[in-house]
Amino acid sequence: MVEWITSPGLVDYEEAVSIMEARAEAIRRGTEGEAIWLLEHPPLYTAGTSADPKDLTDPDRFPVIPTKRGGQYTYHGPGQRVAYVMLDVAARGRDVRRFVHDLEDWIIATLAEFTVIGERREGRVGVWVTRKDKPLTAAGLPPEDKIAALGIRLRKWVSFHGISINVEPELEHFSGIVPCGIAEHGVTSLVDLGLPVTIEDLDVALKKTFPEVMGVPELAAERR
């Protein structure tokens, strides 16, 4: 069973990492079960293990926090739903690539609940949407914007960190970094796409799609 935890308000990033690490260790020891933690952070930039300093274009804008998750620079802030996944990857086959693929599928299935087509792109981290409502690029193709990010860490086969989906963040805040090192594409959100979606709406969709995508037959009671 997977416990769902939802935190109201904004959660300090470094406090969240400390809580995740403790829960991951408890999962490994078998003293606590798996968990999905839904939250929002105050505005900040995080630097993953592959972050290139030149991609931090406005270092004084928000706090910049180094993190040991995979990936490069990303933004977190109000209006973006973060879902931290503390799951036993050993019990799920010890296939890290498959696990990441499943997390991407979870994002894509969740977006589909709002009739948004999320897609993978070779060589680009995250989930993308094609913007048919925008002018064509110089190559004559519709532009593509990133709507969700993914970055995890494993410790003794237990995952932490996770995914983030843009519901209604301040998109201009992404301009202080080159998100995930990709400069030639933009960033979008569900509200930017013209959908009147709330954080609570997204949570319902995340919980609905998680069991069928991640192979979990039963969910534990929620905790707030």
Protein backbone atom coordinates (compact mmCIF):
# COMPACT_ATOMS: atom_id res chain seq x y z
CA MET A 1 0.00 0.00 0.00
CA VAL A 2 1.15 3.53 -0.78
CA GLU A 3 0.45 6.36 1.64
CA TRP A 4 -0.54 9.71 0.14
CA ILE A 5 0.57 12.77 2.09
CA THR A 6 -0.61 16.27 1.15
CA SER A 7 0.98 19.33 2.75
CA PRO A 8 -0.92 22.64 2.78
CA GLY A 9 0.93 25.89 2.25
CA LEU A 10 4.55 26.10 1.10
CA VAL A 11 7.14 23.61 2.34
CA ASP A 12 10.79 24.58 2.80
CA TYR A 13 12.89 22.67 0.28
CA GLU A 14 15.74 21.60 2.55
CA GLU A 15 13.27 20.50 5.23
CA ALA A 16 11.47 18.43 2.58
CA VAL A 17 14.73 16.73 1.57
CA SER A 18 15.45 15.84 5.20
CA ILE A 19 11.98 14.34 5.62
CA MET A 20 12.29 12.39 2.36
CA GLU A 21 15.66 10.95 3.32
CA ALA A 22 14.31 9.80 6.68
CA ARG A 23 11.26 8.19 5.06
CA ALA A 24 13.38 6.49 2.40
CA GLU A 25 15.59 4.98 5.10
CA ALA A 26 12.51 3.79 7.01
CA ILE A 27 11.16 2.15 3.84
CA ARG A 28 14.48 0.39 3.33
CA ARG A 29 14.40 -0.87 6.92
CA GLY A 30 10.81 -1.98 6.55
CA THR A 31 9.52 0.19 9.40
CA GLU A 32 7.36 2.40 7.16
CA GLY A 33 5.60 1.90 3.86
CA GLU A 34 5.93 3.61 0.50
CA ALA A 35 4.63 7.17 0.16
CA ILE A 36 3.75 9.88 -2.33
CA TRP A 37 4.12 13.40 -0.90
CA LEU A 38 2.21 16.22 -2.64
CA LEU A 39 3.36 19.76 -1.89
CA GLU A 40 4.40 23.18 -3.17
CA HIS A 41 7.66 25.03 -2.50
CA PRO A 42 8.39 28.75 -2.17
CA PRO A 43 10.18 30.16 -5.24
CA LEU A 44 13.66 28.65 -5.65
CA TYR A 45 16.04 27.08 -8.11
CA THR A 46 17.58 23.66 -7.54
CA ALA A 47 20.79 22.40 -9.11
CA GLY A 48 20.86 18.69 -9.89
CA THR A 49 23.98 16.58 -10.25
CA SER A 50 24.39 17.54 -13.94
CA ALA A 51 23.79 21.29 -13.51
CA ASP A 52 25.98 23.58 -15.63
CA PRO A 53 26.71 26.93 -13.88
CA LYS A 54 26.24 28.85 -17.14
CA ASP A 55 22.58 27.78 -17.12
CA LEU A 56 21.97 29.81 -13.97
CA THR A 57 21.30 33.13 -15.68
CA ASP A 58 19.99 35.09 -12.66
CA PRO A 59 21.72 33.67 -9.56
CA ASP A 60 20.50 36.43 -7.22
CA ARG A 61 16.82 36.15 -8.02
CA PHE A 62 15.78 33.24 -5.79
CA PRO A 63 17.64 30.87 -3.46
CA VAL A 64 19.75 28.35 -5.39
CA ILE A 65 19.96 24.99 -3.65
CA PRO A 66 22.32 22.21 -4.73
CA THR A 67 20.61 18.83 -4.65
CA LYS A 68 21.78 15.28 -5.25
CA ARG A 69 18.86 14.32 -7.50
CA GLY A 70 19.60 13.67 -11.15
CA GLY A 71 19.18 16.42 -13.73
CA GLN A 72 20.17 20.03 -14.13
CA TYR A 73 18.60 23.32 -12.97
CA THR A 74 14.90 23.48 -12.30
CA TYR A 75 12.47 25.93 -10.74
CA HIS A 76 9.99 25.23 -7.98
CA GLY A 77 7.35 27.64 -6.75
CA PRO A 78 3.71 28.24 -5.90
CA GLY A 79 1.29 26.90 -8.50
CA GLN A 80 3.53 23.97 -9.35
CA ARG A 81 2.53 20.60 -7.92
CA VAL A 82 5.50 18.61 -6.70
CA ALA A 83 5.00 14.89 -6.11
CA TYR A 84 7.85 13.28 -4.20
CA VAL A 85 7.96 9.53 -4.74
CA MET A 86 9.37 7.42 -1.94
CA LEU A 87 9.05 3.96 -3.44
CA ASP A 88 10.83 0.61 -3.17
CA VAL A 89 12.41 0.16 -6.58
CA ALA A 90 13.94 -3.17 -5.52
CA ALA A 91 10.44 -4.57 -5.05
CA ARG A 92 9.53 -3.20 -8.48
CA GLY A 93 12.15 -5.16 -10.39
CA ARG A 94 15.36 -3.13 -9.82
CA ASP A 95 15.00 -1.61 -13.28
CA VAL A 96 15.81 2.09 -12.95
CA ARG A 97 15.17 2.92 -16.59
CA ARG A 98 11.78 1.25 -16.42
CA PHE A 99 10.98 3.07 -13.19
CA VAL A 100 11.73 6.46 -14.77
CA HIS A 101 9.69 5.46 -17.83
CA ASP A 102 6.77 4.60 -15.54
CA LEU A 103 6.99 7.98 -13.82
CA GLU A 104 6.87 9.66 -17.23
CA ASP A 105 3.85 7.52 -18.11
CA TRP A 106 2.21 8.64 -14.87
CA ILE A 107 2.66 12.29 -15.84
CA ILE A 108 1.36 11.66 -19.35
CA ALA A 109 -1.70 9.76 -18.07
CA THR A 110 -2.43 12.53 -15.57
CA LEU A 111 -2.27 15.23 -18.24
CA ALA A 112 -4.58 13.14 -20.43
CA GLU A 113 -7.26 13.52 -17.74
CA PHE A 114 -7.41 17.16 -18.87
CA THR A 115 -7.22 16.30 -22.60
CA VAL A 116 -3.60 17.45 -22.73
CA ILE A 117 -1.29 15.33 -24.87
CA GLY A 118 2.03 15.03 -23.04
CA GLU A 119 4.94 13.51 -24.92
CA ARG A 120 8.51 12.38 -24.44
CA ARG A 121 11.26 13.80 -26.62
CA GLU A 122 14.52 12.01 -27.34
CA GLY A 123 17.38 13.79 -25.62
CA ARG A 124 15.08 16.05 -23.58
CA VAL A 125 14.19 15.40 -19.97
CA GLY A 126 10.59 15.87 -18.85
CA VAL A 127 7.20 15.87 -20.56
CA TRP A 128 6.37 18.19 -23.45
CA VAL A 129 3.31 19.58 -25.22
CA THR A 130 3.06 20.73 -28.84
CA ARG A 131 1.75 24.31 -29.06
CA LYS A 132 -0.52 24.38 -32.08
CA ASP A 133 -1.85 27.70 -30.80
CA LYS A 134 1.49 29.44 -31.39
CA PRO A 135 3.26 30.55 -34.58
CA LEU A 136 5.40 27.96 -36.34
CA THR A 137 9.11 27.88 -35.69
CA ALA A 138 11.72 28.83 -38.30
CA ALA A 139 11.77 25.15 -39.24
CA GLY A 140 8.06 25.32 -40.02
CA LEU A 141 7.05 23.22 -36.99
CA PRO A 142 4.79 24.00 -34.04
CA PRO A 143 6.80 25.02 -30.98
CA GLU A 144 7.04 22.66 -28.02
CA ASP A 145 6.89 23.68 -24.37
CA LYS A 146 7.81 21.77 -21.25
CA ILE A 147 4.97 21.20 -18.79
CA ALA A 148 6.50 18.72 -16.34
CA ALA A 149 9.92 17.84 -14.95
CA LEU A 150 11.35 14.69 -13.42
CA GLY A 151 14.37 14.05 -11.25
CA ILE A 152 14.91 11.21 -8.80
CA ARG A 153 17.57 9.78 -6.57
CA LEU A 154 17.94 6.21 -5.37
CA ARG A 155 19.48 5.21 -2.09
CA LYS A 156 19.77 1.47 -1.54
CA TRP A 157 17.00 0.97 -4.11
CA VAL A 158 14.52 3.36 -2.49
CA SER A 159 13.58 6.43 -4.53
CA PHE A 160 13.07 10.00 -3.40
CA HIS A 161 12.66 13.38 -5.09
CA GLY A 162 10.22 12.89 -7.99
CA ILE A 163 8.12 14.88 -10.46
CA SER A 164 6.68 18.36 -10.83
CA ILE A 165 3.77 19.48 -13.01
CA ASN A 166 3.05 23.12 -13.80
CA VAL A 167 -0.54 24.00 -12.91
CA GLU A 168 -0.37 27.79 -12.57
CA PRO A 169 3.13 28.90 -11.56
CA GLU A 170 4.54 32.29 -12.53
CA LEU A 171 6.15 31.20 -15.79
CA GLU A 172 8.40 34.25 -15.91
CA HIS A 173 10.23 32.83 -12.89
CA PHE A 174 11.70 30.15 -15.14
CA SER A 175 13.68 32.86 -16.97
CA GLY A 176 16.37 32.89 -14.26
CA ILE A 177 17.64 29.51 -15.45
CA VAL A 178 17.92 27.44 -18.58
CA PRO A 179 15.45 24.75 -17.46
CA CYS A 180 17.14 21.35 -17.62
CA GLY A 181 19.77 22.90 -19.91
CA ILE A 182 17.34 23.26 -22.83
CA ALA A 183 17.33 26.83 -24.14
CA GLU A 184 15.52 26.45 -27.46
CA HIS A 185 12.11 25.52 -26.00
CA GLY A 186 9.69 27.22 -23.65
CA VAL A 187 7.77 26.33 -20.51
CA THR A 188 4.01 26.12 -20.11
CA SER A 189 1.35 25.18 -17.57
CA LEU A 190 -2.17 23.80 -17.59
CA VAL A 191 -3.61 27.28 -17.03
CA ASP A 192 -1.32 28.73 -19.70
CA LEU A 193 -2.86 26.19 -22.08
CA GLY A 194 -6.27 27.71 -21.30
CA LEU A 195 -7.48 25.05 -18.86
CA PRO A 196 -9.14 26.14 -15.59
CA VAL A 197 -7.33 23.47 -13.55
CA THR A 198 -6.51 23.80 -9.86
CA ILE A 199 -3.88 22.05 -7.76
CA GLU A 200 -6.71 20.05 -6.18
CA ASP A 201 -7.95 18.96 -9.61
CA LEU A 202 -4.48 17.75 -10.49
CA ASP A 203 -4.20 15.82 -7.23
CA VAL A 204 -7.37 13.91 -8.07
CA ALA A 205 -5.93 12.98 -11.46
CA LEU A 206 -2.56 11.95 -9.98
CA LYS A 207 -4.27 9.61 -7.52
CA LYS A 208 -6.56 8.18 -10.18
CA THR A 209 -3.82 7.33 -12.68
CA PHE A 210 -1.09 6.21 -10.27
CA PRO A 211 -2.30 2.63 -9.57
CA GLU A 212 -2.85 1.68 -13.20
CA VAL A 213 0.48 3.10 -14.36
CA MET A 214 2.73 2.20 -11.43
CA GLY A 215 1.20 -1.21 -10.77
CA VAL A 216 -0.13 -0.56 -7.28
CA PRO A 217 -3.48 -2.27 -6.66
CA GLU A 218 -4.37 -0.47 -3.44
CA LEU A 219 -3.78 2.97 -1.94
CA ALA A 220 -3.56 3.70 1.74
CA ALA A 221 -5.64 6.37 3.44
CA GLU A 222 -4.55 9.94 2.87
CA ARG A 223 -2.72 12.02 5.45
CA ARG A 224 -2.51 15.79 5.60
